[in-house]
Amino acid sequence: MNSACHPAQFGCTDDVPHYDYDPEKAKVLLAEAGYPDGFEFDLYGYREREFTEAVIGDLAAVGIQAKLNWLQYSSLLEAVQKGETPVNHMTWGSSSIADVAAITSHFFSGSADDPAKDPRTAKALQRGDTSLDPKVRKEAYAEALNIIAEEVYWLPMFTYAKYYVFSNDLNFTPTADEIPRLYEASWK
């Protein structure tokens, strides 16, 4: 994933700057930035520890040492909102709402959850959030998503796969909104 949204959400576009996994290029860029031996920083997380630790391993491969600070969600959220976490690994479910406003607008409209407080991003999102015209909304969201990716306010990594039921004897169709409508399922 390259955008700060889920691909199934209205207004999400993956046509944004993206960053390839290239450890050798990372080492060169670190040296050019004055960190030939890397640097250390604090990384905060609260769930999906195996993913956070994989990121720490990738960073270590280029000389960046991340000190993991593992917190309960409420404690981490408070620290994030106070600006006390330089980097954090978090997740968001968008309340199963298939619209960019449920994630991107929540995190980049200037609220306490906004890590960037970028007025350009907030203005684009406001335009998208307040229009009824799908074309205007898509254009506004694309502008915001491009700013977020270009400035690397977030570095999206993955989306979840949800497993609710499995049997060859069951008629069940999962939905993009992550709400399992088990009442629609039936046995073959």
N, C-alpha and C. Protein backbone atom coordinates (compact mmCIF):
# COMPACT_ATOMS: atom_id res chain seq x y z
N MET A 1 0.85 -1.18 0.00
CA MET A 1 0.00 0.00 0.00
C MET A 1 0.89 1.23 0.00
N ASN A 2 0.49 2.22 -0.78
CA ASN A 2 1.26 3.46 -0.84
C ASN A 2 0.48 4.66 -0.33
N SER A 3 -0.83 4.54 -0.23
CA SER A 3 -1.68 5.66 0.17
C SER A 3 -2.19 5.49 1.59
N ALA A 4 -2.50 6.61 2.21
CA ALA A 4 -3.05 6.62 3.58
C ALA A 4 -4.55 6.37 3.55
N CYS A 5 -4.93 5.24 2.93
CA CYS A 5 -6.34 4.85 2.84
C CYS A 5 -6.38 3.40 2.39
N HIS A 6 -7.55 2.80 2.51
CA HIS A 6 -7.74 1.43 2.04
C HIS A 6 -8.19 1.48 0.58
N PRO A 7 -7.64 0.62 -0.27
CA PRO A 7 -7.98 0.66 -1.69
C PRO A 7 -9.48 0.57 -2.00
N ALA A 8 -10.27 -0.03 -1.10
CA ALA A 8 -11.70 -0.16 -1.35
C ALA A 8 -12.48 1.08 -0.95
N GLN A 9 -11.83 2.05 -0.32
CA GLN A 9 -12.53 3.26 0.12
C GLN A 9 -12.72 4.23 -1.04
N PHE A 10 -13.89 4.88 -1.05
CA PHE A 10 -14.14 5.90 -2.06
C PHE A 10 -13.09 7.00 -1.92
N GLY A 11 -12.52 7.41 -3.04
CA GLY A 11 -11.55 8.50 -3.05
C GLY A 11 -10.12 8.05 -2.86
N CYS A 12 -9.89 6.78 -2.56
CA CYS A 12 -8.53 6.29 -2.38
C CYS A 12 -7.87 6.12 -3.75
N THR A 13 -6.64 6.54 -3.85
CA THR A 13 -5.86 6.33 -5.06
C THR A 13 -4.47 5.87 -4.66
N ASP A 14 -3.94 4.96 -5.42
CA ASP A 14 -2.58 4.49 -5.18
C ASP A 14 -1.59 5.22 -6.09
N ASP A 15 -2.10 6.19 -6.85
CA ASP A 15 -1.27 6.98 -7.76
C ASP A 15 -0.63 8.12 -6.97
N VAL A 16 0.27 7.76 -6.08
CA VAL A 16 0.99 8.70 -5.21
C VAL A 16 2.46 8.31 -5.21
N PRO A 17 3.34 9.21 -4.77
CA PRO A 17 4.75 8.81 -4.65
C PRO A 17 4.88 7.58 -3.76
N HIS A 18 5.74 6.67 -4.17
CA HIS A 18 5.98 5.49 -3.34
C HIS A 18 7.48 5.26 -3.23
N TYR A 19 7.84 4.46 -2.27
CA TYR A 19 9.24 4.28 -1.93
C TYR A 19 9.57 2.80 -1.93
N ASP A 20 10.43 2.40 -2.85
CA ASP A 20 10.80 1.01 -2.98
C ASP A 20 11.70 0.57 -1.84
N TYR A 21 11.64 -0.69 -1.52
CA TYR A 21 12.54 -1.28 -0.53
C TYR A 21 13.90 -1.44 -1.19
N ASP A 22 14.87 -0.64 -0.75
CA ASP A 22 16.20 -0.66 -1.36
C ASP A 22 17.23 -0.32 -0.28
N PRO A 23 17.68 -1.32 0.48
CA PRO A 23 18.63 -1.06 1.57
C PRO A 23 19.91 -0.36 1.12
N GLU A 24 20.43 -0.72 -0.04
CA GLU A 24 21.67 -0.08 -0.50
C GLU A 24 21.46 1.40 -0.78
N LYS A 25 20.35 1.74 -1.39
CA LYS A 25 20.05 3.16 -1.64
C LYS A 25 19.85 3.88 -0.31
N ALA A 26 19.23 3.20 0.65
CA ALA A 26 19.01 3.80 1.97
C ALA A 26 20.34 4.14 2.63
N LYS A 27 21.31 3.26 2.52
CA LYS A 27 22.64 3.52 3.10
C LYS A 27 23.29 4.74 2.46
N VAL A 28 23.17 4.84 1.14
CA VAL A 28 23.74 5.99 0.41
C VAL A 28 23.05 7.28 0.87
N LEU A 29 21.73 7.25 0.94
CA LEU A 29 20.99 8.45 1.37
C LEU A 29 21.33 8.83 2.80
N LEU A 30 21.49 7.86 3.68
CA LEU A 30 21.88 8.15 5.06
C LEU A 30 23.25 8.82 5.11
N ALA A 31 24.19 8.30 4.34
CA ALA A 31 25.53 8.90 4.30
C ALA A 31 25.47 10.32 3.75
N GLU A 32 24.69 10.54 2.70
CA GLU A 32 24.55 11.88 2.13
C GLU A 32 23.93 12.85 3.13
N ALA A 33 23.07 12.33 4.01
CA ALA A 33 22.41 13.16 5.01
C ALA A 33 23.28 13.39 6.25
N GLY A 34 24.48 12.80 6.25
CA GLY A 34 25.38 12.99 7.38
C GLY A 34 25.31 11.90 8.43
N TYR A 35 24.69 10.77 8.09
CA TYR A 35 24.56 9.65 9.02
C TYR A 35 25.15 8.37 8.42
N PRO A 36 26.45 8.37 8.12
CA PRO A 36 27.03 7.19 7.49
C PRO A 36 26.97 5.94 8.38
N ASP A 37 26.90 6.14 9.67
CA ASP A 37 26.81 5.02 10.61
C ASP A 37 25.40 4.84 11.14
N GLY A 38 24.43 5.51 10.52
CA GLY A 38 23.04 5.42 10.96
C GLY A 38 22.78 6.31 12.15
N PHE A 39 21.70 6.03 12.87
CA PHE A 39 21.33 6.78 14.05
C PHE A 39 20.36 5.95 14.88
N GLU A 40 20.01 6.46 16.05
CA GLU A 40 19.07 5.77 16.92
C GLU A 40 17.83 6.64 17.12
N PHE A 41 16.69 6.00 17.34
CA PHE A 41 15.47 6.73 17.66
C PHE A 41 14.52 5.80 18.38
N ASP A 42 13.50 6.38 19.00
CA ASP A 42 12.47 5.62 19.70
C ASP A 42 11.31 5.35 18.76
N LEU A 43 10.86 4.11 18.74
CA LEU A 43 9.72 3.68 17.94
C LEU A 43 8.66 3.15 18.89
N TYR A 44 7.45 3.61 18.73
CA TYR A 44 6.35 3.23 19.62
C TYR A 44 5.35 2.36 18.88
N GLY A 45 4.78 1.41 19.59
CA GLY A 45 3.77 0.54 19.02
C GLY A 45 2.85 0.00 20.10
N TYR A 46 1.75 -0.66 19.66
CA TYR A 46 0.80 -1.21 20.62
C TYR A 46 0.19 -2.54 20.17
N ARG A 47 0.29 -2.89 18.90
CA ARG A 47 -0.24 -4.16 18.40
C ARG A 47 0.52 -4.56 17.15
N GLU A 48 0.29 -5.77 16.71
CA GLU A 48 1.01 -6.30 15.55
C GLU A 48 2.52 -6.23 15.78
N ARG A 49 2.94 -6.67 16.97
CA ARG A 49 4.35 -6.57 17.33
C ARG A 49 5.27 -7.24 16.31
N GLU A 50 4.82 -8.34 15.71
CA GLU A 50 5.67 -9.03 14.75
C GLU A 50 5.97 -8.13 13.54
N PHE A 51 5.02 -7.30 13.14
CA PHE A 51 5.26 -6.37 12.04
C PHE A 51 6.22 -5.27 12.47
N THR A 52 6.01 -4.75 13.66
CA THR A 52 6.89 -3.69 14.17
C THR A 52 8.32 -4.21 14.29
N GLU A 53 8.48 -5.42 14.78
CA GLU A 53 9.83 -5.98 14.91
C GLU A 53 10.46 -6.25 13.54
N ALA A 54 9.67 -6.60 12.55
CA ALA A 54 10.20 -6.77 11.19
C ALA A 54 10.72 -5.44 10.66
N VAL A 55 9.99 -4.37 10.92
CA VAL A 55 10.44 -3.03 10.50
C VAL A 55 11.75 -2.69 11.20
N ILE A 56 11.83 -2.99 12.49
CA ILE A 56 13.06 -2.72 13.24
C ILE A 56 14.23 -3.47 12.62
N GLY A 57 14.00 -4.71 12.21
CA GLY A 57 15.05 -5.49 11.56
C GLY A 57 15.48 -4.88 10.24
N ASP A 58 14.52 -4.41 9.44
CA ASP A 58 14.86 -3.77 8.17
C ASP A 58 15.66 -2.49 8.40
N LEU A 59 15.29 -1.73 9.41
CA LEU A 59 16.02 -0.50 9.73
C LEU A 59 17.44 -0.82 10.19
N ALA A 60 17.58 -1.84 11.03
CA ALA A 60 18.90 -2.23 11.53
C ALA A 60 19.83 -2.63 10.39
N ALA A 61 19.27 -3.20 9.33
CA ALA A 61 20.09 -3.64 8.19
C ALA A 61 20.78 -2.47 7.50
N VAL A 62 20.27 -1.26 7.69
CA VAL A 62 20.91 -0.09 7.07
C VAL A 62 21.58 0.80 8.11
N GLY A 63 21.63 0.35 9.36
CA GLY A 63 22.33 1.09 10.40
C GLY A 63 21.46 1.94 11.30
N ILE A 64 20.16 1.87 11.13
CA ILE A 64 19.25 2.66 11.97
C ILE A 64 18.78 1.76 13.11
N GLN A 65 19.01 2.21 14.34
CA GLN A 65 18.65 1.42 15.52
C GLN A 65 17.38 2.01 16.15
N ALA A 66 16.32 1.24 16.11
CA ALA A 66 15.05 1.67 16.69
C ALA A 66 14.88 1.02 18.06
N LYS A 67 14.66 1.83 19.06
CA LYS A 67 14.38 1.32 20.41
C LYS A 67 12.87 1.20 20.53
N LEU A 68 12.40 -0.02 20.74
CA LEU A 68 10.96 -0.28 20.79
C LEU A 68 10.38 0.08 22.15
N ASN A 69 9.34 0.87 22.13
CA ASN A 69 8.57 1.23 23.31
C ASN A 69 7.17 0.69 23.10
N TRP A 70 6.81 -0.36 23.83
CA TRP A 70 5.54 -1.06 23.64
C TRP A 70 4.56 -0.61 24.71
N LEU A 71 3.43 -0.05 24.29
CA LEU A 71 2.46 0.52 25.22
C LEU A 71 1.07 -0.05 24.99
N GLN A 72 0.20 0.15 25.96
CA GLN A 72 -1.22 -0.09 25.75
C GLN A 72 -1.74 1.01 24.82
N TYR A 73 -2.80 0.72 24.07
CA TYR A 73 -3.30 1.67 23.08
C TYR A 73 -3.61 3.04 23.70
N SER A 74 -4.31 3.07 24.81
CA SER A 74 -4.70 4.35 25.39
C SER A 74 -3.49 5.18 25.78
N SER A 75 -2.46 4.55 26.31
CA SER A 75 -1.24 5.28 26.68
C SER A 75 -0.52 5.79 25.44
N LEU A 76 -0.45 4.95 24.41
CA LEU A 76 0.20 5.38 23.18
C LEU A 76 -0.57 6.52 22.53
N LEU A 77 -1.88 6.40 22.46
CA LEU A 77 -2.68 7.46 21.85
C LEU A 77 -2.46 8.79 22.56
N GLU A 78 -2.44 8.76 23.87
CA GLU A 78 -2.19 9.99 24.65
C GLU A 78 -0.82 10.57 24.32
N ALA A 79 0.20 9.72 24.25
CA ALA A 79 1.55 10.19 23.93
C ALA A 79 1.62 10.75 22.50
N VAL A 80 0.95 10.08 21.56
CA VAL A 80 0.92 10.55 20.18
C VAL A 80 0.26 11.93 20.11
N GLN A 81 -0.88 12.06 20.77
CA GLN A 81 -1.62 13.33 20.72
C GLN A 81 -0.86 14.47 21.39
N LYS A 82 0.01 14.15 22.33
CA LYS A 82 0.84 15.17 22.97
C LYS A 82 2.12 15.45 22.19
N GLY A 83 2.33 14.72 21.09
CA GLY A 83 3.53 14.91 20.29
C GLY A 83 4.78 14.32 20.92
N GLU A 84 4.62 13.31 21.75
CA GLU A 84 5.75 12.73 22.48
C GLU A 84 6.36 11.51 21.80
N THR A 85 5.85 11.12 20.65
CA THR A 85 6.37 9.95 19.95
C THR A 85 6.94 10.39 18.60
N PRO A 86 8.25 10.25 18.42
CA PRO A 86 8.83 10.67 17.14
C PRO A 86 8.35 9.79 15.98
N VAL A 87 8.20 8.49 16.23
CA VAL A 87 7.74 7.55 15.20
C VAL A 87 6.89 6.50 15.91
N ASN A 88 5.76 6.17 15.30
CA ASN A 88 4.94 5.12 15.89
C ASN A 88 4.34 4.24 14.80
N HIS A 89 4.09 3.00 15.18
CA HIS A 89 3.46 2.04 14.28
C HIS A 89 2.08 1.74 14.84
N MET A 90 1.06 2.15 14.09
CA MET A 90 -0.31 1.98 14.56
C MET A 90 -1.17 1.45 13.42
N THR A 91 -2.40 1.09 13.74
CA THR A 91 -3.34 0.60 12.74
C THR A 91 -4.66 1.34 12.92
N TRP A 92 -5.54 1.21 11.91
CA TRP A 92 -6.83 1.89 11.96
C TRP A 92 -7.81 1.14 11.11
N GLY A 93 -8.99 0.91 11.61
CA GLY A 93 -9.99 0.14 10.90
C GLY A 93 -11.03 0.95 10.16
N SER A 94 -11.04 2.24 10.29
CA SER A 94 -11.98 3.12 9.59
C SER A 94 -13.43 2.82 9.93
N SER A 95 -13.68 2.12 11.01
CA SER A 95 -15.04 1.76 11.42
C SER A 95 -15.82 1.10 10.30
N SER A 96 -15.09 0.41 9.42
CA SER A 96 -15.68 -0.28 8.26
C SER A 96 -16.40 0.66 7.31
N ILE A 97 -16.02 1.92 7.29
CA ILE A 97 -16.62 2.90 6.39
C ILE A 97 -15.77 2.98 5.13
N ALA A 98 -16.37 2.73 4.01
CA ALA A 98 -15.66 2.66 2.73
C ALA A 98 -15.52 4.04 2.09
N ASP A 99 -14.91 4.96 2.81
CA ASP A 99 -14.70 6.32 2.33
C ASP A 99 -13.42 6.86 2.95
N VAL A 100 -12.62 7.56 2.15
CA VAL A 100 -11.36 8.14 2.62
C VAL A 100 -11.56 9.01 3.86
N ALA A 101 -12.72 9.64 3.97
CA ALA A 101 -12.98 10.51 5.12
C ALA A 101 -12.87 9.76 6.44
N ALA A 102 -13.06 8.44 6.42
CA ALA A 102 -13.03 7.65 7.65
C ALA A 102 -11.62 7.38 8.16
N ILE A 103 -10.61 7.64 7.34
CA ILE A 103 -9.23 7.46 7.81
C ILE A 103 -8.40 8.70 7.53
N THR A 104 -8.26 9.07 6.28
CA THR A 104 -7.37 10.17 5.93
C THR A 104 -7.84 11.47 6.55
N SER A 105 -9.12 11.75 6.45
CA SER A 105 -9.65 12.99 7.04
C SER A 105 -9.55 12.96 8.56
N HIS A 106 -9.73 11.78 9.15
CA HIS A 106 -9.62 11.68 10.60
C HIS A 106 -8.22 12.06 11.07
N PHE A 107 -7.21 11.61 10.33
CA PHE A 107 -5.83 11.79 10.78
C PHE A 107 -5.11 13.01 10.21
N PHE A 108 -5.66 13.69 9.24
CA PHE A 108 -4.91 14.78 8.61
C PHE A 108 -5.71 16.07 8.44
N SER A 109 -6.70 16.28 9.30
CA SER A 109 -7.51 17.50 9.21
C SER A 109 -7.21 18.51 10.30
N GLY A 110 -6.09 18.31 11.00
CA GLY A 110 -5.68 19.28 12.02
C GLY A 110 -6.06 18.92 13.44
N SER A 111 -6.67 17.74 13.65
CA SER A 111 -7.08 17.34 14.99
C SER A 111 -5.87 16.91 15.82
N ALA A 112 -6.12 16.53 17.06
CA ALA A 112 -5.05 16.04 17.93
C ALA A 112 -4.41 14.77 17.37
N ASP A 113 -5.12 14.04 16.51
CA ASP A 113 -4.57 12.83 15.90
C ASP A 113 -3.74 13.11 14.65
N ASP A 114 -3.65 14.34 14.22
CA ASP A 114 -2.94 14.71 13.01
C ASP A 114 -1.45 14.87 13.30
N PRO A 115 -0.60 13.97 12.76
CA PRO A 115 0.83 14.06 13.05
C PRO A 115 1.53 15.19 12.29
N ALA A 116 0.93 15.71 11.25
CA ALA A 116 1.59 16.68 10.39
C ALA A 116 1.13 18.11 10.60
N LYS A 117 -0.16 18.29 10.86
CA LYS A 117 -0.76 19.62 10.98
C LYS A 117 -0.42 20.48 9.75
N ASP A 118 -0.49 19.85 8.59
CA ASP A 118 -0.19 20.54 7.33
C ASP A 118 -1.46 21.20 6.81
N PRO A 119 -1.49 22.53 6.73
CA PRO A 119 -2.71 23.21 6.29
C PRO A 119 -3.10 22.88 4.84
N ARG A 120 -2.15 22.55 4.00
CA ARG A 120 -2.47 22.18 2.61
C ARG A 120 -3.29 20.89 2.59
N THR A 121 -2.86 19.93 3.39
CA THR A 121 -3.56 18.65 3.45
C THR A 121 -4.95 18.84 4.04
N ALA A 122 -5.02 19.58 5.14
CA ALA A 122 -6.32 19.80 5.79
C ALA A 122 -7.29 20.52 4.86
N LYS A 123 -6.79 21.48 4.11
CA LYS A 123 -7.65 22.23 3.18
C LYS A 123 -8.18 21.33 2.07
N ALA A 124 -7.33 20.48 1.52
CA ALA A 124 -7.77 19.56 0.47
C ALA A 124 -8.81 18.58 1.02
N LEU A 125 -8.56 18.07 2.22
CA LEU A 125 -9.51 17.14 2.82
C LEU A 125 -10.84 17.81 3.13
N GLN A 126 -10.79 19.04 3.59
CA GLN A 126 -12.04 19.75 3.88
C GLN A 126 -12.85 19.91 2.60
N ARG A 127 -12.17 20.21 1.50
CA ARG A 127 -12.86 20.34 0.21
C ARG A 127 -13.52 19.00 -0.16
N GLY A 128 -12.81 17.91 0.03
CA GLY A 128 -13.38 16.60 -0.29
C GLY A 128 -14.50 16.21 0.65
N ASP A 129 -14.32 16.51 1.93
CA ASP A 129 -15.31 16.11 2.94
C ASP A 129 -16.62 16.88 2.83
N THR A 130 -16.58 18.07 2.27
CA THR A 130 -17.78 18.92 2.26
C THR A 130 -18.46 19.01 0.89
N SER A 131 -17.93 18.30 -0.08
CA SER A 131 -18.55 18.32 -1.41
C SER A 131 -19.42 17.09 -1.60
N LEU A 132 -20.49 17.28 -2.37
CA LEU A 132 -21.34 16.16 -2.76
C LEU A 132 -20.99 15.65 -4.15
N ASP A 133 -20.12 16.37 -4.84
CA ASP A 133 -19.73 16.01 -6.20
C ASP A 133 -18.61 14.97 -6.14
N PRO A 134 -18.85 13.75 -6.62
CA PRO A 134 -17.83 12.70 -6.56
C PRO A 134 -16.51 13.09 -7.23
N LYS A 135 -16.58 13.83 -8.32
CA LYS A 135 -15.36 14.24 -9.03
C LYS A 135 -14.54 15.19 -8.16
N VAL A 136 -15.19 16.16 -7.55
CA VAL A 136 -14.50 17.11 -6.67
C VAL A 136 -13.88 16.37 -5.49
N ARG A 137 -14.65 15.44 -4.92
CA ARG A 137 -14.14 14.68 -3.77
C ARG A 137 -12.90 13.88 -4.16
N LYS A 138 -12.96 13.17 -5.27
CA LYS A 138 -11.82 12.37 -5.71
C LYS A 138 -10.58 13.23 -5.96
N GLU A 139 -10.77 14.38 -6.61
CA GLU A 139 -9.65 15.27 -6.88
C GLU A 139 -9.05 15.81 -5.59
N ALA A 140 -9.89 16.21 -4.65
CA ALA A 140 -9.42 16.74 -3.37
C ALA A 140 -8.68 15.68 -2.57
N TYR A 141 -9.24 14.48 -2.53
CA TYR A 141 -8.58 13.40 -1.79
C TYR A 141 -7.26 13.02 -2.44
N ALA A 142 -7.22 12.98 -3.76
CA ALA A 142 -5.97 12.66 -4.46
C ALA A 142 -4.89 13.69 -4.12
N GLU A 143 -5.28 14.97 -4.05
CA GLU A 143 -4.32 16.01 -3.68
C GLU A 143 -3.78 15.77 -2.28
N ALA A 144 -4.66 15.50 -1.34
CA ALA A 144 -4.24 15.26 0.05
C ALA A 144 -3.37 14.01 0.15
N LEU A 145 -3.78 12.94 -0.49
CA LEU A 145 -3.01 11.69 -0.43
C LEU A 145 -1.62 11.85 -1.05
N ASN A 146 -1.51 12.66 -2.09
CA ASN A 146 -0.21 12.92 -2.69
C ASN A 146 0.69 13.71 -1.75
N ILE A 147 0.14 14.68 -1.06
CA ILE A 147 0.94 15.45 -0.09
C ILE A 147 1.43 14.52 1.02
N ILE A 148 0.53 13.71 1.55
CA ILE A 148 0.89 12.80 2.64
C ILE A 148 2.00 11.85 2.22
N ALA A 149 1.90 11.30 1.01
CA ALA A 149 2.93 10.37 0.53
C ALA A 149 4.23 11.10 0.22
N GLU A 150 4.15 12.26 -0.41
CA GLU A 150 5.34 13.00 -0.79
C GLU A 150 6.14 13.45 0.44
N GLU A 151 5.43 13.90 1.45
CA GLU A 151 6.08 14.37 2.68
C GLU A 151 6.37 13.23 3.66
N VAL A 152 5.90 12.04 3.34
CA VAL A 152 6.04 10.83 4.16
C VAL A 152 5.53 11.09 5.59
N TYR A 153 4.35 11.69 5.67
CA TYR A 153 3.71 11.85 6.97
C TYR A 153 3.31 10.49 7.53
N TRP A 154 2.95 9.61 6.64
CA TRP A 154 2.68 8.20 6.97
C TRP A 154 3.41 7.36 5.95
N LEU A 155 3.74 6.15 6.34
CA LEU A 155 4.28 5.19 5.41
C LEU A 155 3.42 3.93 5.53
N PRO A 156 2.30 3.89 4.80
CA PRO A 156 1.39 2.73 4.89
C PRO A 156 2.12 1.46 4.50
N MET A 157 1.74 0.36 5.16
CA MET A 157 2.46 -0.88 4.93
C MET A 157 1.59 -2.03 4.43
N PHE A 158 0.38 -2.18 4.94
CA PHE A 158 -0.41 -3.35 4.60
C PHE A 158 -1.87 -3.08 4.95
N THR A 159 -2.70 -3.98 4.47
CA THR A 159 -4.08 -4.03 4.90
C THR A 159 -4.34 -5.43 5.43
N TYR A 160 -5.27 -5.55 6.30
CA TYR A 160 -5.56 -6.84 6.91
C TYR A 160 -6.38 -7.73 6.00
N ALA A 161 -6.18 -9.01 6.15
CA ALA A 161 -7.08 -10.00 5.59
C ALA A 161 -7.88 -10.53 6.78
N LYS A 162 -9.17 -10.51 6.68
CA LYS A 162 -10.02 -10.98 7.77
C LYS A 162 -10.57 -12.35 7.41
N TYR A 163 -10.45 -13.26 8.35
CA TYR A 163 -11.01 -14.59 8.17
C TYR A 163 -12.10 -14.78 9.22
N TYR A 164 -13.30 -15.06 8.77
CA TYR A 164 -14.43 -15.23 9.66
C TYR A 164 -14.87 -16.69 9.72
N VAL A 165 -14.98 -17.30 8.56
CA VAL A 165 -15.45 -18.68 8.48
C VAL A 165 -14.76 -19.34 7.30
N PHE A 166 -14.68 -20.65 7.37
CA PHE A 166 -14.15 -21.37 6.23
C PHE A 166 -14.69 -22.79 6.25
N SER A 167 -15.31 -23.15 5.17
CA SER A 167 -15.74 -24.52 4.96
C SER A 167 -16.18 -24.65 3.51
N ASN A 168 -15.79 -25.73 2.88
CA ASN A 168 -16.24 -25.97 1.51
C ASN A 168 -17.74 -26.21 1.45
N ASP A 169 -18.33 -26.46 2.60
CA ASP A 169 -19.76 -26.73 2.66
C ASP A 169 -20.59 -25.48 2.93
N LEU A 170 -19.96 -24.32 2.96
CA LEU A 170 -20.65 -23.08 3.32
C LEU A 170 -20.71 -22.13 2.13
N ASN A 171 -21.87 -21.52 1.92
CA ASN A 171 -22.01 -20.43 0.96
C ASN A 171 -21.82 -19.13 1.73
N PHE A 172 -20.71 -18.47 1.52
CA PHE A 172 -20.41 -17.22 2.23
C PHE A 172 -19.58 -16.33 1.33
N THR A 173 -19.97 -15.07 1.20
CA THR A 173 -19.23 -14.12 0.39
C THR A 173 -18.78 -12.97 1.29
N PRO A 174 -17.47 -12.78 1.48
CA PRO A 174 -16.99 -11.66 2.29
C PRO A 174 -17.27 -10.34 1.58
N THR A 175 -17.35 -9.27 2.34
CA THR A 175 -17.65 -7.95 1.79
C THR A 175 -16.48 -7.00 2.03
N ALA A 176 -16.38 -5.98 1.21
CA ALA A 176 -15.29 -5.01 1.31
C ALA A 176 -15.35 -4.18 2.58
N ASP A 177 -16.52 -4.09 3.21
CA ASP A 177 -16.64 -3.25 4.41
C ASP A 177 -16.26 -3.98 5.70
N GLU A 178 -15.76 -5.19 5.59
CA GLU A 178 -15.28 -5.98 6.72
C GLU A 178 -16.37 -6.41 7.70
N ILE A 179 -17.62 -6.25 7.36
CA ILE A 179 -18.71 -6.67 8.24
C ILE A 179 -19.21 -8.01 7.74
N PRO A 180 -18.94 -9.07 8.50
CA PRO A 180 -19.39 -10.38 8.04
C PRO A 180 -20.89 -10.54 8.22
N ARG A 181 -21.60 -10.67 7.14
CA ARG A 181 -23.04 -10.83 7.19
C ARG A 181 -23.36 -12.33 7.24
N LEU A 182 -23.09 -12.90 8.40
CA LEU A 182 -23.24 -14.34 8.56
C LEU A 182 -24.69 -14.78 8.38
N TYR A 183 -25.64 -13.87 8.60
CA TYR A 183 -27.05 -14.20 8.40
C TYR A 183 -27.36 -14.47 6.92
N GLU A 184 -26.46 -14.04 6.01
CA GLU A 184 -26.65 -14.31 4.59
C GLU A 184 -26.01 -15.63 4.17
N ALA A 185 -25.22 -16.23 5.05
CA ALA A 185 -24.55 -17.48 4.74
C ALA A 185 -25.55 -18.63 4.81
N SER A 186 -25.22 -19.69 4.10
CA SER A 186 -26.07 -20.89 4.15
C SER A 186 -25.19 -22.11 3.89
N TRP A 187 -25.70 -23.24 4.30
CA TRP A 187 -24.99 -24.49 4.01
C TRP A 187 -25.36 -24.94 2.62
N LYS A 188 -24.43 -25.51 1.93
CA LYS A 188 -24.68 -26.04 0.58
C LYS A 188 -25.54 -27.27 0.65
